[in-house]
């Protein structure tokens, strides 16, 4: 594999001197603070502070199945069709959804039997509720505080690594993800737009100051020294289910600069994708020659509209997902199966 050039970025958001160097070893500790150069004109500056890790041996790649819905093995004929679809593209646009992260242990919302909606009455917070209700913000942050250590430590699976390798080989023109878990950037994908933002960043709704989620976690620990609730199960957005009694005494931090309301720098349900992010994503789609949807039912319109745009631009659409999607009738190719069992088998040399 070709050498990967990286630079060190200050976590404290201070100006720093960038020193380029070549990594000669694939055995870099996961906690080593290194970040990939992001060379794009899109508004994705938060990607430059997402930790990169090196792909482990095949036997060590994450293989989590508890969040993955049942599916049948994919036959060779379907794989050959996908191989032909990918090989025919010179500038592939990839759209990923929650289904690509279920095999890393992050559940999705809608999968039959294992999605959040199938297992619980819990529903994600709505944007307007977060803005208007201090009690709902307290509930959100208490749950997120408990879930963050596990959510932030989740690692990429074989499907994330495969897409990163496609990019290194020059196959992927751009990858747009609906996920907020940073797993694509952890897997060293660089040409990435996080359509719904990233949970690793926090923004003040008053002054716009940004800080990392890890720094906020430290502040919340200091402000809630007696809060010791634990949970091994996380929701798709990184929080956990806690009782009203458990969250009642939780102290929510405010902006350290203006005491404004802090919010994860991501798109909540009922909110809109920022215009600059949306326009950047559609500009990359316009430059592409084919679209592959990986792990998304496309039930949310912010994702489905890329399938509609592909049809309008007369670009072939392929879909790999467990279960039906909103765009099945628009697709040239639809494969039902696990991404980690499919994408790594596609050759992109």
C-alpha atoms as a PDB file:
ATOM      1  CA  UNK A   1       0.000   0.000   0.000  1.00  0.00           C
ATOM      2  CA  UNK A   2       1.243   3.473  -0.803  1.00  0.00           C
ATOM      3  CA  UNK A   3       2.551   5.586   2.055  1.00  0.00           C
ATOM      4  CA  UNK A   4      -0.014   7.871   3.648  1.00  0.00           C
ATOM      5  CA  UNK A   5       1.030  11.435   4.389  1.00  0.00           C
ATOM      6  CA  UNK A   6      -0.455  12.857   7.560  1.00  0.00           C
ATOM      7  CA  UNK A   7      -0.011  15.921   9.705  1.00  0.00           C
ATOM      8  CA  UNK A   8      -0.490  16.616  13.382  1.00  0.00           C
ATOM      9  CA  UNK A   9      -3.320  18.953  14.383  1.00  0.00           C
ATOM     10  CA  UNK A  10      -3.687  20.676  17.745  1.00  0.00           C
ATOM     11  CA  UNK A  11      -6.635  19.404  19.763  1.00  0.00           C
ATOM     12  CA  UNK A  12      -6.818  22.701  21.586  1.00  0.00           C
ATOM     13  CA  UNK A  13      -7.706  24.487  18.315  1.00  0.00           C
ATOM     14  CA  UNK A  14      -4.586  26.603  18.623  1.00  0.00           C
ATOM     15  CA  UNK A  15      -2.507  27.535  15.592  1.00  0.00           C
ATOM     16  CA  UNK A  16       0.111  24.870  15.142  1.00  0.00           C
ATOM     17  CA  UNK A  17       3.058  24.147  12.911  1.00  0.00           C
ATOM     18  CA  UNK A  18       2.234  21.302  10.566  1.00  0.00           C
ATOM     19  CA  UNK A  19       4.967  18.736  10.075  1.00  0.00           C
ATOM     20  CA  UNK A  20       4.439  16.333   7.190  1.00  0.00           C
ATOM     21  CA  UNK A  21       5.947  12.892   7.548  1.00  0.00           C
ATOM     22  CA  UNK A  22       5.533   9.398   6.144  1.00  0.00           C
ATOM     23  CA  UNK A  23       4.240   6.597   8.333  1.00  0.00           C
ATOM     24  CA  UNK A  24       6.238   3.460   7.619  1.00  0.00           C
ATOM     25  CA  UNK A  25       4.525   1.196  10.107  1.00  0.00           C
ATOM     26  CA  UNK A  26       0.921   0.033  10.179  1.00  0.00           C
ATOM     27  CA  UNK A  27       1.161  -0.627  13.909  1.00  0.00           C
ATOM     28  CA  UNK A  28       0.228   2.788  15.290  1.00  0.00           C
ATOM     29  CA  UNK A  29      -1.437   2.838  18.731  1.00  0.00           C
ATOM     30  CA  UNK A  30      -5.103   3.793  18.481  1.00  0.00           C
ATOM     31  CA  UNK A  31      -4.647   6.555  21.052  1.00  0.00           C
ATOM     32  CA  UNK A  32      -1.876   8.254  19.100  1.00  0.00           C
ATOM     33  CA  UNK A  33      -3.175  11.666  18.070  1.00  0.00           C
ATOM     34  CA  UNK A  34      -2.841  11.833  14.294  1.00  0.00           C
ATOM     35  CA  UNK A  35      -5.184  13.304  11.759  1.00  0.00           C
ATOM     36  CA  UNK A  36      -5.472  13.130   7.999  1.00  0.00           C
ATOM     37  CA  UNK A  37      -5.148  16.114   5.722  1.00  0.00           C
ATOM     38  CA  UNK A  38      -8.525  17.065   4.278  1.00  0.00           C
ATOM     39  CA  UNK A  39      -8.051  18.641   0.864  1.00  0.00           C
ATOM     40  CA  UNK A  40     -11.435  19.830  -0.341  1.00  0.00           C
ATOM     41  CA  UNK A  41     -13.403  22.968  -0.909  1.00  0.00           C
ATOM     42  CA  UNK A  42     -16.355  21.806   1.129  1.00  0.00           C
ATOM     43  CA  UNK A  43     -17.446  23.039   4.533  1.00  0.00           C
ATOM     44  CA  UNK A  44     -16.203  20.012   6.475  1.00  0.00           C
ATOM     45  CA  UNK A  45     -13.463  21.460   8.641  1.00  0.00           C
ATOM     46  CA  UNK A  46     -14.490  19.200  11.515  1.00  0.00           C
ATOM     47  CA  UNK A  47     -13.172  16.230   9.584  1.00  0.00           C
ATOM     48  CA  UNK A  48      -9.621  17.480  10.087  1.00  0.00           C
ATOM     49  CA  UNK A  49      -9.858  16.620  13.772  1.00  0.00           C
ATOM     50  CA  UNK A  50     -11.221  13.096  13.503  1.00  0.00           C
ATOM     51  CA  UNK A  51      -8.764  10.431  14.679  1.00  0.00           C
ATOM     52  CA  UNK A  52      -7.372   8.084  12.058  1.00  0.00           C
ATOM     53  CA  UNK A  53      -6.526   4.485  12.834  1.00  0.00           C
ATOM     54  CA  UNK A  54      -4.820   1.858  10.737  1.00  0.00           C
ATOM     55  CA  UNK A  55      -6.669  -1.144   9.406  1.00  0.00           C
ATOM     56  CA  UNK A  56      -6.083  -4.170  11.632  1.00  0.00           C
ATOM     57  CA  UNK A  57      -5.473  -7.664  10.384  1.00  0.00           C
ATOM     58  CA  UNK A  58      -8.552  -9.248   8.815  1.00  0.00           C
ATOM     59  CA  UNK A  59      -9.088 -11.437  11.881  1.00  0.00           C
ATOM     60  CA  UNK A  60      -9.205  -8.327  14.081  1.00  0.00           C
ATOM     61  CA  UNK A  61     -11.694  -6.276  12.045  1.00  0.00           C
ATOM     62  CA  UNK A  62     -14.876  -5.504  13.998  1.00  0.00           C
ATOM     63  CA  UNK A  63     -17.560  -8.164  13.444  1.00  0.00           C
ATOM     64  CA  UNK A  64     -20.616  -7.169  15.471  1.00  0.00           C
ATOM     65  CA  UNK A  65     -23.937  -8.808  14.637  1.00  0.00           C
ATOM     66  CA  UNK A  66     -26.342  -7.945  17.471  1.00  0.00           C
ATOM     67  CA  UNK A  67     -27.538  -4.803  15.672  1.00  0.00           C
ATOM     68  CA  UNK A  68     -27.681  -6.335  12.197  1.00  0.00           C
ATOM     69  CA  UNK A  69     -31.011  -7.597  10.794  1.00  0.00           C
ATOM     70  CA  UNK A  70     -31.200 -11.085   9.346  1.00  0.00           C
ATOM     71  CA  UNK A  71     -30.236 -11.550   5.716  1.00  0.00           C
ATOM     72  CA  UNK A  72     -29.410 -14.363   3.328  1.00  0.00           C
ATOM     73  CA  UNK A  73     -25.945 -14.888   1.859  1.00  0.00           C
ATOM     74  CA  UNK A  74     -25.403 -13.049  -1.411  1.00  0.00           C
ATOM     75  CA  UNK A  75     -24.947 -15.281  -4.444  1.00  0.00           C
ATOM     76  CA  UNK A  76     -22.073 -14.978  -6.902  1.00  0.00           C
ATOM     77  CA  UNK A  77     -24.303 -13.703  -9.685  1.00  0.00           C
ATOM     78  CA  UNK A  78     -25.293 -10.666  -7.603  1.00  0.00           C
ATOM     79  CA  UNK A  79     -21.666 -10.003  -6.716  1.00  0.00           C
ATOM     80  CA  UNK A  80     -20.706 -10.127 -10.379  1.00  0.00           C
ATOM     81  CA  UNK A  81     -23.378  -7.567 -11.205  1.00  0.00           C
ATOM     82  CA  UNK A  82     -22.090  -5.264  -8.472  1.00  0.00           C
ATOM     83  CA  UNK A  83     -18.541  -5.780  -9.708  1.00  0.00           C
ATOM     84  CA  UNK A  84     -19.621  -4.742 -13.209  1.00  0.00           C
ATOM     85  CA  UNK A  85     -21.480  -1.721 -11.820  1.00  0.00           C
ATOM     86  CA  UNK A  86     -18.466  -0.496  -9.829  1.00  0.00           C
ATOM     87  CA  UNK A  87     -15.960  -1.280 -12.580  1.00  0.00           C
ATOM     88  CA  UNK A  88     -17.956   0.751 -15.105  1.00  0.00           C
ATOM     89  CA  UNK A  89     -17.717   3.875 -12.957  1.00  0.00           C
ATOM     90  CA  UNK A  90     -14.725   6.211 -13.048  1.00  0.00           C
ATOM     91  CA  UNK A  91     -16.092   8.753 -10.553  1.00  0.00           C
ATOM     92  CA  UNK A  92     -18.320   6.895  -8.117  1.00  0.00           C
ATOM     93  CA  UNK A  93     -20.517   8.813  -5.684  1.00  0.00           C
ATOM     94  CA  UNK A  94     -21.239   6.779  -2.541  1.00  0.00           C
ATOM     95  CA  UNK A  95     -24.046   7.528  -0.084  1.00  0.00           C
ATOM     96  CA  UNK A  96     -23.942   5.619   3.208  1.00  0.00           C
ATOM     97  CA  UNK A  97     -26.484   5.318   5.988  1.00  0.00           C
ATOM     98  CA  UNK A  98     -26.909   3.734   9.389  1.00  0.00           C
ATOM     99  CA  UNK A  99     -26.807   0.223   7.928  1.00  0.00           C
ATOM    100  CA  UNK A 100     -23.068   0.444   7.361  1.00  0.00           C
ATOM    101  CA  UNK A 101     -22.417   1.060  11.066  1.00  0.00           C
ATOM    102  CA  UNK A 102     -24.636  -1.655  12.530  1.00  0.00           C
ATOM    103  CA  UNK A 103     -21.810  -4.164  12.099  1.00  0.00           C
ATOM    104  CA  UNK A 104     -19.675  -1.905  14.282  1.00  0.00           C
ATOM    105  CA  UNK A 105     -22.247  -2.195  17.063  1.00  0.00           C
ATOM    106  CA  UNK A 106     -24.240   1.010  16.498  1.00  0.00           C
ATOM    107  CA  UNK A 107     -27.941   0.198  16.009  1.00  0.00           C
ATOM    108  CA  UNK A 108     -30.053   1.920  13.388  1.00  0.00           C
ATOM    109  CA  UNK A 109     -33.591   3.209  13.814  1.00  0.00           C
ATOM    110  CA  UNK A 110     -35.699   1.211  11.365  1.00  0.00           C
ATOM    111  CA  UNK A 111     -34.292  -2.296  10.855  1.00  0.00           C
ATOM    112  CA  UNK A 112     -36.812  -5.052  11.447  1.00  0.00           C
ATOM    113  CA  UNK A 113     -36.374  -6.724  14.811  1.00  0.00           C
ATOM    114  CA  UNK A 114     -33.133  -5.011  15.841  1.00  0.00           C
ATOM    115  CA  UNK A 115     -33.615  -1.289  15.094  1.00  0.00           C
ATOM    116  CA  UNK A 116     -34.351   1.174  17.896  1.00  0.00           C
ATOM    117  CA  UNK A 117     -37.987   1.541  16.857  1.00  0.00           C
ATOM    118  CA  UNK A 118     -38.468  -2.238  16.981  1.00  0.00           C
ATOM    119  CA  UNK A 119     -36.827  -2.680  20.392  1.00  0.00           C
ATOM    120  CA  UNK A 120     -37.956   0.406  22.284  1.00  0.00           C
ATOM    121  CA  UNK A 121     -40.554   3.139  22.566  1.00  0.00           C
ATOM    122  CA  UNK A 122     -37.706   5.630  22.808  1.00  0.00           C
ATOM    123  CA  UNK A 123     -37.541   8.218  20.041  1.00  0.00           C
ATOM    124  CA  UNK A 124     -34.782  10.705  19.158  1.00  0.00           C
ATOM    125  CA  UNK A 125     -35.181  14.247  20.393  1.00  0.00           C
ATOM    126  CA  UNK A 126     -36.748  16.781  18.024  1.00  0.00           C
ATOM    127  CA  UNK A 127     -34.856  19.963  17.255  1.00  0.00           C
ATOM    128  CA  UNK A 128     -37.583  22.315  18.482  1.00  0.00           C
ATOM    129  CA  UNK A 129     -37.947  20.378  21.738  1.00  0.00           C
ATOM    130  CA  UNK A 130     -34.212  20.712  22.336  1.00  0.00           C
ATOM    131  CA  UNK A 131     -34.380  24.471  21.764  1.00  0.00           C
ATOM    132  CA  UNK A 132     -37.464  25.188  23.853  1.00  0.00           C
ATOM    133  CA  UNK A 133     -37.249  22.824  26.838  1.00  0.00           C
ATOM    134  CA  UNK A 134     -34.517  22.931  29.491  1.00  0.00           C
ATOM    135  CA  UNK A 135     -35.804  19.645  30.933  1.00  0.00           C
ATOM    136  CA  UNK A 136     -35.546  17.914  27.562  1.00  0.00           C
ATOM    137  CA  UNK A 137     -32.020  19.264  27.117  1.00  0.00           C
ATOM    138  CA  UNK A 138     -31.118  17.903  30.563  1.00  0.00           C
ATOM    139  CA  UNK A 139     -32.532  14.508  29.606  1.00  0.00           C
ATOM    140  CA  UNK A 140     -30.660  14.546  26.305  1.00  0.00           C
ATOM    141  CA  UNK A 141     -27.287  15.484  27.803  1.00  0.00           C
ATOM    142  CA  UNK A 142     -27.552  13.049  30.714  1.00  0.00           C
ATOM    143  CA  UNK A 143     -28.248  10.187  28.319  1.00  0.00           C
ATOM    144  CA  UNK A 144     -25.548  11.332  25.931  1.00  0.00           C
ATOM    145  CA  UNK A 145     -23.063  11.705  28.771  1.00  0.00           C
ATOM    146  CA  UNK A 146     -23.559   8.052  29.729  1.00  0.00           C
ATOM    147  CA  UNK A 147     -23.450   6.809  26.142  1.00  0.00           C
ATOM    148  CA  UNK A 148     -20.486   8.838  24.869  1.00  0.00           C
ATOM    149  CA  UNK A 149     -17.589   6.661  26.145  1.00  0.00           C
ATOM    150  CA  UNK A 150     -18.925   3.616  24.286  1.00  0.00           C
ATOM    151  CA  UNK A 151     -20.158   5.499  21.219  1.00  0.00           C
ATOM    152  CA  UNK A 152     -16.888   7.371  20.728  1.00  0.00           C
ATOM    153  CA  UNK A 153     -14.823   4.183  21.025  1.00  0.00           C
ATOM    154  CA  UNK A 154     -16.654   2.295  18.267  1.00  0.00           C
ATOM    155  CA  UNK A 155     -14.352   1.191  15.432  1.00  0.00           C
ATOM    156  CA  UNK A 156     -14.861   0.870  11.669  1.00  0.00           C
ATOM    157  CA  UNK A 157     -15.859  -2.480  10.228  1.00  0.00           C
ATOM    158  CA  UNK A 158     -14.853  -4.174   6.972  1.00  0.00           C
ATOM    159  CA  UNK A 159     -17.331  -2.144   4.903  1.00  0.00           C
ATOM    160  CA  UNK A 160     -15.835   1.181   6.080  1.00  0.00           C
ATOM    161  CA  UNK A 161     -12.346  -0.083   5.292  1.00  0.00           C
ATOM    162  CA  UNK A 162     -13.418  -1.304   1.861  1.00  0.00           C
ATOM    163  CA  UNK A 163     -14.800   2.096   0.875  1.00  0.00           C
ATOM    164  CA  UNK A 164     -11.633   3.793   2.112  1.00  0.00           C
ATOM    165  CA  UNK A 165      -9.581   1.427  -0.046  1.00  0.00           C
ATOM    166  CA  UNK A 166     -11.805   2.196  -3.036  1.00  0.00           C
ATOM    167  CA  UNK A 167     -11.020   5.859  -2.498  1.00  0.00           C
ATOM    168  CA  UNK A 168      -7.267   5.241  -2.268  1.00  0.00           C
ATOM    169  CA  UNK A 169      -7.506   3.316  -5.550  1.00  0.00           C
ATOM    170  CA  UNK A 170      -9.178   6.313  -7.222  1.00  0.00           C
ATOM    171  CA  UNK A 171     -12.611   4.690  -7.566  1.00  0.00           C
ATOM    172  CA  UNK A 172     -14.630   6.841  -5.147  1.00  0.00           C
ATOM    173  CA  UNK A 173     -15.026  10.429  -6.295  1.00  0.00           C
ATOM    174  CA  UNK A 174     -16.795  11.399  -3.082  1.00  0.00           C
ATOM    175  CA  UNK A 175     -18.550   9.771  -0.149  1.00  0.00           C
ATOM    176  CA  UNK A 176     -21.535  11.400   1.531  1.00  0.00           C
ATOM    177  CA  UNK A 177     -22.660   9.846   4.794  1.00  0.00           C
ATOM    178  CA  UNK A 178     -25.856  10.324   6.748  1.00  0.00           C
ATOM    179  CA  UNK A 179     -24.090   9.011   9.855  1.00  0.00           C
ATOM    180  CA  UNK A 180     -22.675  11.119  12.685  1.00  0.00           C
ATOM    181  CA  UNK A 181     -20.275   8.493  14.097  1.00  0.00           C
ATOM    182  CA  UNK A 182     -17.067   9.514  12.240  1.00  0.00           C
ATOM    183  CA  UNK A 183     -16.354   5.890  11.311  1.00  0.00           C
ATOM    184  CA  UNK A 184     -15.522   6.747   7.701  1.00  0.00           C
ATOM    185  CA  UNK A 185     -12.859   9.216   8.752  1.00  0.00           C
ATOM    186  CA  UNK A 186     -11.554   6.813  11.370  1.00  0.00           C
ATOM    187  CA  UNK A 187     -11.114   4.354   8.511  1.00  0.00           C
ATOM    188  CA  UNK A 188      -9.067   6.983   6.628  1.00  0.00           C
ATOM    189  CA  UNK A 189     -11.617   7.992   4.017  1.00  0.00           C
ATOM    190  CA  UNK A 190     -10.780  11.595   3.159  1.00  0.00           C
ATOM    191  CA  UNK A 191     -13.210  12.645   0.453  1.00  0.00           C
ATOM    192  CA  UNK A 192     -16.128  12.686   2.882  1.00  0.00           C
ATOM    193  CA  UNK A 193     -19.066  14.976   3.550  1.00  0.00           C
ATOM    194  CA  UNK A 194     -20.943  14.308   6.786  1.00  0.00           C
ATOM    195  CA  UNK A 195     -24.424  15.335   5.663  1.00  0.00           C
ATOM    196  CA  UNK A 196     -25.917  15.367   9.156  1.00  0.00           C
ATOM    197  CA  UNK A 197     -22.822  16.604  10.978  1.00  0.00           C
ATOM    198  CA  UNK A 198     -20.590  14.847  13.463  1.00  0.00           C
ATOM    199  CA  UNK A 199     -21.206  14.011  17.113  1.00  0.00           C
ATOM    200  CA  UNK A 200     -17.545  14.739  17.940  1.00  0.00           C
ATOM    201  CA  UNK A 201     -18.171  18.499  17.810  1.00  0.00           C
ATOM    202  CA  UNK A 202     -20.256  20.832  19.953  1.00  0.00           C
ATOM    203  CA  UNK A 203     -21.494  24.274  18.937  1.00  0.00           C
ATOM    204  CA  UNK A 204     -22.924  27.153  20.970  1.00  0.00           C
ATOM    205  CA  UNK A 205     -26.280  28.259  19.573  1.00  0.00           C
ATOM    206  CA  UNK A 206     -25.663  31.841  20.706  1.00  0.00           C
ATOM    207  CA  UNK A 207     -22.073  32.757  19.818  1.00  0.00           C
ATOM    208  CA  UNK A 208     -21.212  29.901  17.464  1.00  0.00           C
ATOM    209  CA  UNK A 209     -18.106  28.805  19.365  1.00  0.00           C
ATOM    210  CA  UNK A 210     -17.148  25.189  18.715  1.00  0.00           C
ATOM    211  CA  UNK A 211     -15.497  22.722  21.038  1.00  0.00           C
ATOM    212  CA  UNK A 212     -14.868  19.005  20.970  1.00  0.00           C
ATOM    213  CA  UNK A 213     -17.267  16.534  22.496  1.00  0.00           C
ATOM    214  CA  UNK A 214     -14.409  15.058  24.544  1.00  0.00           C
ATOM    215  CA  UNK A 215     -13.795  18.428  26.207  1.00  0.00           C
ATOM    216  CA  UNK A 216     -17.485  18.741  26.995  1.00  0.00           C
ATOM    217  CA  UNK A 217     -17.453  15.224  28.483  1.00  0.00           C
ATOM    218  CA  UNK A 218     -14.686  16.317  30.839  1.00  0.00           C
ATOM    219  CA  UNK A 219     -16.678  19.389  31.895  1.00  0.00           C
ATOM    220  CA  UNK A 220     -19.794  17.301  32.511  1.00  0.00           C
ATOM    221  CA  UNK A 221     -17.808  14.884  34.672  1.00  0.00           C
ATOM    222  CA  UNK A 222     -16.530  17.779  36.756  1.00  0.00           C
ATOM    223  CA  UNK A 223     -20.029  19.242  37.136  1.00  0.00           C
ATOM    224  CA  UNK A 224     -21.660  15.890  37.955  1.00  0.00           C
ATOM    225  CA  UNK A 225     -19.187  14.039  40.196  1.00  0.00           C
ATOM    226  CA  UNK A 226     -21.894  11.874  41.767  1.00  0.00           C
ATOM    227  CA  UNK A 227     -23.480  10.839  38.466  1.00  0.00           C
ATOM    228  CA  UNK A 228     -22.341   7.241  38.025  1.00  0.00           C
ATOM    229  CA  UNK A 229     -25.030   5.648  35.859  1.00  0.00           C
ATOM    230  CA  UNK A 230     -23.688   3.110  33.362  1.00  0.00           C
ATOM    231  CA  UNK A 231     -25.125   1.434  30.287  1.00  0.00           C
ATOM    232  CA  UNK A 232     -23.722  -1.034  27.763  1.00  0.00           C
ATOM    233  CA  UNK A 233     -26.418  -0.358  25.153  1.00  0.00           C
ATOM    234  CA  UNK A 234     -26.308   2.720  22.954  1.00  0.00           C
ATOM    235  CA  UNK A 235     -28.857   4.267  20.608  1.00  0.00           C
ATOM    236  CA  UNK A 236     -28.139   5.263  16.988  1.00  0.00           C
ATOM    237  CA  UNK A 237     -27.313   8.828  18.012  1.00  0.00           C
ATOM    238  CA  UNK A 238     -25.041   7.750  20.870  1.00  0.00           C
ATOM    239  CA  UNK A 239     -27.260   8.179  23.898  1.00  0.00           C
ATOM    240  CA  UNK A 240     -28.782   5.566  26.208  1.00  0.00           C
ATOM    241  CA  UNK A 241     -32.157   5.043  27.848  1.00  0.00           C
ATOM    242  CA  UNK A 242     -32.336   6.452  31.375  1.00  0.00           C
ATOM    243  CA  UNK A 243     -35.271   6.940  33.727  1.00  0.00           C
ATOM    244  CA  UNK A 244     -36.561  10.412  34.576  1.00  0.00           C
ATOM    245  CA  UNK A 245     -35.351   9.861  38.139  1.00  0.00           C
ATOM    246  CA  UNK A 246     -31.834   9.153  36.939  1.00  0.00           C
ATOM    247  CA  UNK A 247     -31.544  12.376  34.942  1.00  0.00           C
ATOM    248  CA  UNK A 248     -33.297  14.682  37.411  1.00  0.00           C
ATOM    249  CA  UNK A 249     -30.152  15.851  39.174  1.00  0.00           C
ATOM    250  CA  UNK A 250     -27.916  16.146  36.115  1.00  0.00           C
ATOM    251  CA  UNK A 251     -26.254  19.543  35.639  1.00  0.00           C
ATOM    252  CA  UNK A 252     -26.035  20.703  32.032  1.00  0.00           C
ATOM    253  CA  UNK A 253     -23.057  22.900  31.085  1.00  0.00           C
ATOM    254  CA  UNK A 254     -23.481  26.083  29.089  1.00  0.00           C
ATOM    255  CA  UNK A 255     -21.102  27.799  26.701  1.00  0.00           C
ATOM    256  CA  UNK A 256     -17.858  28.718  28.455  1.00  0.00           C
ATOM    257  CA  UNK A 257     -17.730  32.014  26.542  1.00  0.00           C
ATOM    258  CA  UNK A 258     -21.294  33.385  26.576  1.00  0.00           C
ATOM    259  CA  UNK A 259     -23.294  30.884  28.697  1.00  0.00           C
ATOM    260  CA  UNK A 260     -25.448  30.029  25.674  1.00  0.00           C
ATOM    261  CA  UNK A 261     -27.073  26.683  24.898  1.00  0.00           C
ATOM    262  CA  UNK A 262     -24.712  23.961  23.713  1.00  0.00           C
ATOM    263  CA  UNK A 263     -25.786  21.505  21.030  1.00  0.00           C
ATOM    264  CA  UNK A 264     -23.985  18.723  19.142  1.00  0.00           C
ATOM    265  CA  UNK A 265     -22.924  20.051  15.755  1.00  0.00           C
ATOM    266  CA  UNK A 266     -25.263  17.730  13.915  1.00  0.00           C
ATOM    267  CA  UNK A 267     -28.721  17.770  12.354  1.00  0.00           C
ATOM    268  CA  UNK A 268     -31.460  16.747  14.780  1.00  0.00           C
ATOM    269  CA  UNK A 269     -34.775  15.320  13.638  1.00  0.00           C
ATOM    270  CA  UNK A 270     -36.923  18.259  12.530  1.00  0.00           C
ATOM    271  CA  UNK A 271     -33.873  20.329  11.610  1.00  0.00           C
ATOM    272  CA  UNK A 272     -32.469  21.024   8.134  1.00  0.00           C
ATOM    273  CA  UNK A 273     -29.148  20.135   6.540  1.00  0.00           C
ATOM    274  CA  UNK A 274     -27.096  23.364   6.343  1.00  0.00           C
ATOM    275  CA  UNK A 275     -27.225  24.908   2.885  1.00  0.00           C
ATOM    276  CA  UNK A 276     -23.461  24.888   2.306  1.00  0.00           C
ATOM    277  CA  UNK A 277     -23.223  21.187   3.185  1.00  0.00           C
ATOM    278  CA  UNK A 278     -26.166  20.342   0.937  1.00  0.00           C
ATOM    279  CA  UNK A 279     -24.800  22.349  -1.985  1.00  0.00           C
ATOM    280  CA  UNK A 280     -21.336  20.810  -1.610  1.00  0.00           C
ATOM    281  CA  UNK A 281     -22.805  17.315  -1.677  1.00  0.00           C
ATOM    282  CA  UNK A 282     -24.866  17.977  -4.792  1.00  0.00           C
ATOM    283  CA  UNK A 283     -21.869  19.561  -6.505  1.00  0.00           C
ATOM    284  CA  UNK A 284     -19.924  16.346  -5.931  1.00  0.00           C
ATOM    285  CA  UNK A 285     -22.860  14.329  -7.267  1.00  0.00           C
ATOM    286  CA  UNK A 286     -22.937  16.431 -10.424  1.00  0.00           C
ATOM    287  CA  UNK A 287     -19.277  15.559 -11.018  1.00  0.00           C
ATOM    288  CA  UNK A 288     -19.863  11.806 -10.561  1.00  0.00           C
ATOM    289  CA  UNK A 289     -20.867   9.238 -13.166  1.00  0.00           C
ATOM    290  CA  UNK A 290     -22.707   6.716 -10.948  1.00  0.00           C
ATOM    291  CA  UNK A 291     -24.256   6.493  -7.472  1.00  0.00           C
ATOM    292  CA  UNK A 292     -23.985   3.655  -4.968  1.00  0.00           C
ATOM    293  CA  UNK A 293     -26.184   3.666  -1.857  1.00  0.00           C
ATOM    294  CA  UNK A 294     -24.749   1.535   0.943  1.00  0.00           C
ATOM    295  CA  UNK A 295     -26.708   0.761   4.102  1.00  0.00           C
ATOM    296  CA  UNK A 296     -29.595   3.208   3.861  1.00  0.00           C
ATOM    297  CA  UNK A 297     -33.336   2.702   3.504  1.00  0.00           C
ATOM    298  CA  UNK A 298     -33.489   6.287   2.170  1.00  0.00           C
ATOM    299  CA  UNK A 299     -36.604   6.887   4.245  1.00  0.00           C
ATOM    300  CA  UNK A 300     -35.254  10.293   5.267  1.00  0.00           C
ATOM    301  CA  UNK A 301     -35.653  12.768   2.414  1.00  0.00           C
ATOM    302  CA  UNK A 302     -32.180  14.266   2.912  1.00  0.00           C
ATOM    303  CA  UNK A 303     -30.839  10.953   1.621  1.00  0.00           C
ATOM    304  CA  UNK A 304     -33.605  10.016  -0.821  1.00  0.00           C
ATOM    305  CA  UNK A 305     -33.168  13.200  -2.829  1.00  0.00           C
ATOM    306  CA  UNK A 306     -29.750  11.979  -3.987  1.00  0.00           C
ATOM    307  CA  UNK A 307     -31.480   9.008  -5.629  1.00  0.00           C
ATOM    308  CA  UNK A 308     -33.954  11.384  -7.254  1.00  0.00           C
ATOM    309  CA  UNK A 309     -31.096  13.585  -8.459  1.00  0.00           C
ATOM    310  CA  UNK A 310     -29.296  10.553  -9.908  1.00  0.00           C
ATOM    311  CA  UNK A 311     -32.388   9.702 -11.915  1.00  0.00           C
ATOM    312  CA  UNK A 312     -32.745  13.295 -13.107  1.00  0.00           C
ATOM    313  CA  UNK A 313     -29.078  13.360 -14.147  1.00  0.00           C
ATOM    314  CA  UNK A 314     -29.456   9.957 -15.860  1.00  0.00           C
ATOM    315  CA  UNK A 315     -26.781   8.366 -13.695  1.00  0.00           C
ATOM    316  CA  UNK A 316     -27.006   4.661 -12.828  1.00  0.00           C
ATOM    317  CA  UNK A 317     -28.026   3.936  -9.242  1.00  0.00           C
ATOM    318  CA  UNK A 318     -26.942   0.859  -7.315  1.00  0.00           C
ATOM    319  CA  UNK A 319     -28.165  -0.068  -3.830  1.00  0.00           C
ATOM    320  CA  UNK A 320     -26.723  -2.506  -1.284  1.00  0.00           C
ATOM    321  CA  UNK A 321     -28.887  -2.741   1.830  1.00  0.00           C
ATOM    322  CA  UNK A 322     -30.632  -5.254   4.039  1.00  0.00           C
ATOM    323  CA  UNK A 323     -34.326  -4.825   3.323  1.00  0.00           C
ATOM    324  CA  UNK A 324     -36.268  -2.582   0.931  1.00  0.00           C
ATOM    325  CA  UNK A 325     -35.460   1.062   0.322  1.00  0.00           C
ATOM    326  CA  UNK A 326     -37.442   4.034  -0.846  1.00  0.00           C
ATOM    327  CA  UNK A 327     -35.511   4.072  -4.142  1.00  0.00           C
ATOM    328  CA  UNK A 328     -35.663   0.407  -5.162  1.00  0.00           C
ATOM    329  CA  UNK A 329     -37.749   1.273  -8.228  1.00  0.00           C
ATOM    330  CA  UNK A 330     -35.145   3.792  -9.349  1.00  0.00           C
ATOM    331  CA  UNK A 331     -32.176   1.452  -9.056  1.00  0.00           C
ATOM    332  CA  UNK A 332     -30.366  -0.303 -11.881  1.00  0.00           C
ATOM    333  CA  UNK A 333     -29.050  -2.772  -9.307  1.00  0.00           C
ATOM    334  CA  UNK A 334     -30.335  -3.759  -5.866  1.00  0.00           C
ATOM    335  CA  UNK A 335     -28.569  -6.270  -3.625  1.00  0.00           C
ATOM    336  CA  UNK A 336     -29.944  -7.396  -0.259  1.00  0.00           C
ATOM    337  CA  UNK A 337     -27.180  -8.368   2.149  1.00  0.00           C
ATOM    338  CA  UNK A 338     -24.535  -7.417   4.683  1.00  0.00           C
ATOM    339  CA  UNK A 339     -22.164  -4.760   3.481  1.00  0.00           C
ATOM    340  CA  UNK A 340     -19.128  -6.259   5.208  1.00  0.00           C
ATOM    341  CA  UNK A 341     -19.705  -9.500   3.307  1.00  0.00           C
ATOM    342  CA  UNK A 342     -20.103  -7.731  -0.028  1.00  0.00           C
ATOM    343  CA  UNK A 343     -18.017  -4.576  -0.429  1.00  0.00           C
ATOM    344  CA  UNK A 344     -14.626  -6.116   0.453  1.00  0.00           C
ATOM    345  CA  UNK A 345     -15.110  -8.661  -2.354  1.00  0.00           C
ATOM    346  CA  UNK A 346     -15.309  -6.000  -5.054  1.00  0.00           C
ATOM    347  CA  UNK A 347     -12.054  -5.374  -6.937  1.00  0.00           C
ATOM    348  CA  UNK A 348     -11.160  -1.774  -7.758  1.00  0.00           C
ATOM    349  CA  UNK A 349      -7.586  -1.994  -9.016  1.00  0.00           C
END
